[in-house]
Amino acid sequence: MAMDGKQYPVTHSEAEWRKLLTPEQFRIMRNHGTEPPGSCALNDEKRAGTFYCAGCNQELFVSKRKFESGTGWPSFNDPLPGSVETSTDRGYGMVRTEVHCSRCGSHLGHVFDDGPPPTHLRYCINGVALNFQPA
């Protein structure tokens, strides 16, 4: 069960999540944290391939949808169909749209409407929430 009470296909207890994830991944993916900008090597990943959820290995984004946003986080303009869900995040005195994995509910990042065409969306994703598999 996720933090919002929704039942996800992949579920683990808090203790199981702590065993599966690194402390930083747990802080970000299960407690809605954020990695420091520019801290993840996946921000600079340019090879063709697929980005997966570090929590359940679901395919989330393909490299052809990744772009350099200048924010310090991996940014994509479109997720794979059905791979992510969104919810309203009212933390830190702002209203943002949170992005989480549709299979395990893990927090991935946020989506903003300042991206490039054609979607004009910027999925700003914590790199530690992702695993990359080159094509």
Protein backbone atom coordinates (compact mmCIF):
# COMPACT_ATOMS: atom_id res chain seq x y z
CA MET A 1 0.00 0.00 0.00
CA ALA A 2 1.33 3.44 -0.86
CA MET A 3 1.52 6.50 1.33
CA ASP A 4 -1.74 7.83 -0.16
CA GLY A 5 -3.58 4.60 0.71
CA LYS A 6 -3.81 3.32 -2.87
CA GLN A 7 -3.04 -0.35 -3.45
CA TYR A 8 -0.25 -0.86 -6.03
CA PRO A 9 0.61 -4.10 -7.90
CA VAL A 10 4.07 -4.11 -6.25
CA THR A 11 3.96 -3.57 -2.49
CA HIS A 12 6.49 -3.98 0.31
CA SER A 13 6.58 -3.22 4.01
CA GLU A 14 8.74 -0.32 5.15
CA ALA A 15 11.37 -2.82 6.36
CA GLU A 16 11.37 -4.56 2.97
CA TRP A 17 11.73 -1.23 1.13
CA ARG A 18 14.68 -0.36 3.40
CA LYS A 19 16.37 -3.63 2.38
CA LEU A 20 15.65 -3.16 -1.34
CA LEU A 21 16.70 0.50 -1.62
CA THR A 22 19.77 2.46 -0.58
CA PRO A 23 19.19 4.96 2.25
CA GLU A 24 19.15 7.81 -0.30
CA GLN A 25 16.70 5.96 -2.56
CA PHE A 26 14.45 5.24 0.42
CA ARG A 27 14.51 8.90 1.49
CA ILE A 28 13.56 10.08 -2.00
CA MET A 29 11.33 7.30 -3.31
CA ARG A 30 9.40 6.38 -0.15
CA ASN A 31 9.57 9.68 1.81
CA HIS A 32 9.16 12.14 -1.11
CA GLY A 33 12.69 13.54 -0.86
CA THR A 34 14.78 15.25 -3.54
CA GLU A 35 18.38 14.63 -4.52
CA PRO A 36 20.70 17.64 -4.83
CA PRO A 37 20.69 19.07 -8.39
CA GLY A 38 23.59 17.85 -10.51
CA SER A 39 24.34 14.98 -8.12
CA CYS A 40 23.33 12.05 -10.32
CA ALA A 41 25.31 10.70 -13.27
CA LEU A 42 22.06 9.84 -15.09
CA ASN A 43 21.53 13.57 -15.64
CA ASP A 44 24.39 13.35 -18.18
CA GLU A 45 23.36 9.99 -19.69
CA LYS A 46 23.22 10.41 -23.49
CA ARG A 47 23.13 6.80 -24.76
CA ALA A 48 20.06 5.23 -26.35
CA GLY A 49 18.19 3.09 -23.87
CA THR A 50 15.45 2.84 -21.27
CA PHE A 51 15.08 4.26 -17.76
CA TYR A 52 13.45 1.97 -15.18
CA CYS A 53 11.99 2.48 -11.69
CA ALA A 54 14.67 1.63 -9.12
CA GLY A 55 11.93 0.31 -6.83
CA CYS A 56 10.19 -2.24 -9.09
CA ASN A 57 12.06 -2.20 -12.43
CA GLN A 58 9.07 -0.94 -14.43
CA GLU A 59 10.01 0.81 -17.70
CA LEU A 60 9.32 4.54 -17.26
CA PHE A 61 11.07 6.64 -19.90
CA VAL A 62 13.04 6.13 -23.12
CA SER A 63 16.18 8.09 -23.88
CA LYS A 64 14.73 9.74 -27.02
CA ARG A 65 12.30 11.59 -24.69
CA LYS A 66 15.12 12.88 -22.45
CA PHE A 67 16.37 16.45 -22.83
CA GLU A 68 18.77 18.83 -21.13
CA SER A 69 16.64 21.15 -18.99
CA GLY A 70 19.50 22.91 -17.22
CA THR A 71 17.87 22.11 -13.86
CA GLY A 72 20.38 19.49 -12.68
CA TRP A 73 17.89 16.60 -12.79
CA PRO A 74 17.18 14.13 -15.59
CA SER A 75 14.27 15.60 -17.59
CA PHE A 76 11.89 13.91 -20.00
CA ASN A 77 8.98 15.23 -22.05
CA ASP A 78 6.87 12.07 -22.03
CA PRO A 79 6.75 8.86 -19.96
CA LEU A 80 5.95 5.47 -21.44
CA PRO A 81 2.14 4.98 -21.55
CA GLY A 82 0.71 3.96 -18.17
CA SER A 83 4.09 3.95 -16.41
CA VAL A 84 3.57 6.94 -14.12
CA GLU A 85 0.74 8.56 -12.21
CA THR A 86 0.49 12.03 -10.73
CA SER A 87 -0.89 13.58 -7.58
CA THR A 88 -0.98 17.05 -6.05
CA ASP A 89 1.98 17.90 -3.80
CA ARG A 90 1.33 20.81 -1.43
CA GLY A 91 4.66 20.57 0.41
CA TYR A 92 7.15 23.41 0.89
CA GLY A 93 4.47 26.08 0.50
CA MET A 94 3.97 25.32 -3.20
CA VAL A 95 1.48 23.39 -5.28
CA ARG A 96 3.27 21.00 -7.64
CA THR A 97 2.32 17.88 -9.55
CA GLU A 98 4.14 14.87 -8.11
CA VAL A 99 5.10 11.96 -10.38
CA HIS A 100 5.15 8.43 -8.99
CA CYS A 101 5.56 4.95 -10.44
CA SER A 102 2.21 3.41 -11.38
CA ARG A 103 3.41 -0.06 -10.34
CA CYS A 104 4.95 0.50 -6.88
CA GLY A 105 3.89 4.06 -6.01
CA SER A 106 7.45 5.27 -5.45
CA HIS A 107 8.03 9.03 -5.67
CA LEU A 108 10.03 9.84 -8.81
CA GLY A 109 9.91 13.65 -9.06
CA HIS A 110 7.56 16.31 -10.41
CA VAL A 111 6.13 17.37 -13.77
CA PHE A 112 6.01 20.99 -14.96
CA ASP A 113 4.47 22.62 -18.04
CA ASP A 114 7.64 24.42 -19.20
CA GLY A 115 9.12 21.65 -21.37
CA PRO A 116 9.83 21.58 -25.11
CA PRO A 117 7.35 20.73 -27.86
CA PRO A 118 5.45 18.62 -28.63
CA THR A 119 4.21 17.93 -25.07
CA HIS A 120 5.51 21.13 -23.42
CA LEU A 121 5.97 18.98 -20.29
CA ARG A 122 9.11 18.57 -18.20
CA TYR A 123 9.17 15.42 -16.10
CA CYS A 124 11.89 16.39 -13.62
CA ILE A 125 12.98 13.04 -12.15
CA ASN A 126 15.37 12.17 -9.32
CA GLY A 127 18.19 10.16 -10.90
CA VAL A 128 18.53 7.82 -7.92
CA ALA A 129 14.91 6.74 -8.53
CA LEU A 130 15.97 5.43 -11.95
CA ASN A 131 18.05 2.60 -13.35
CA PHE A 132 19.30 2.89 -16.94
CA GLN A 133 19.66 0.05 -19.42
CA PRO A 134 21.50 0.93 -22.65
CA ALA A 135 19.82 -0.23 -25.88
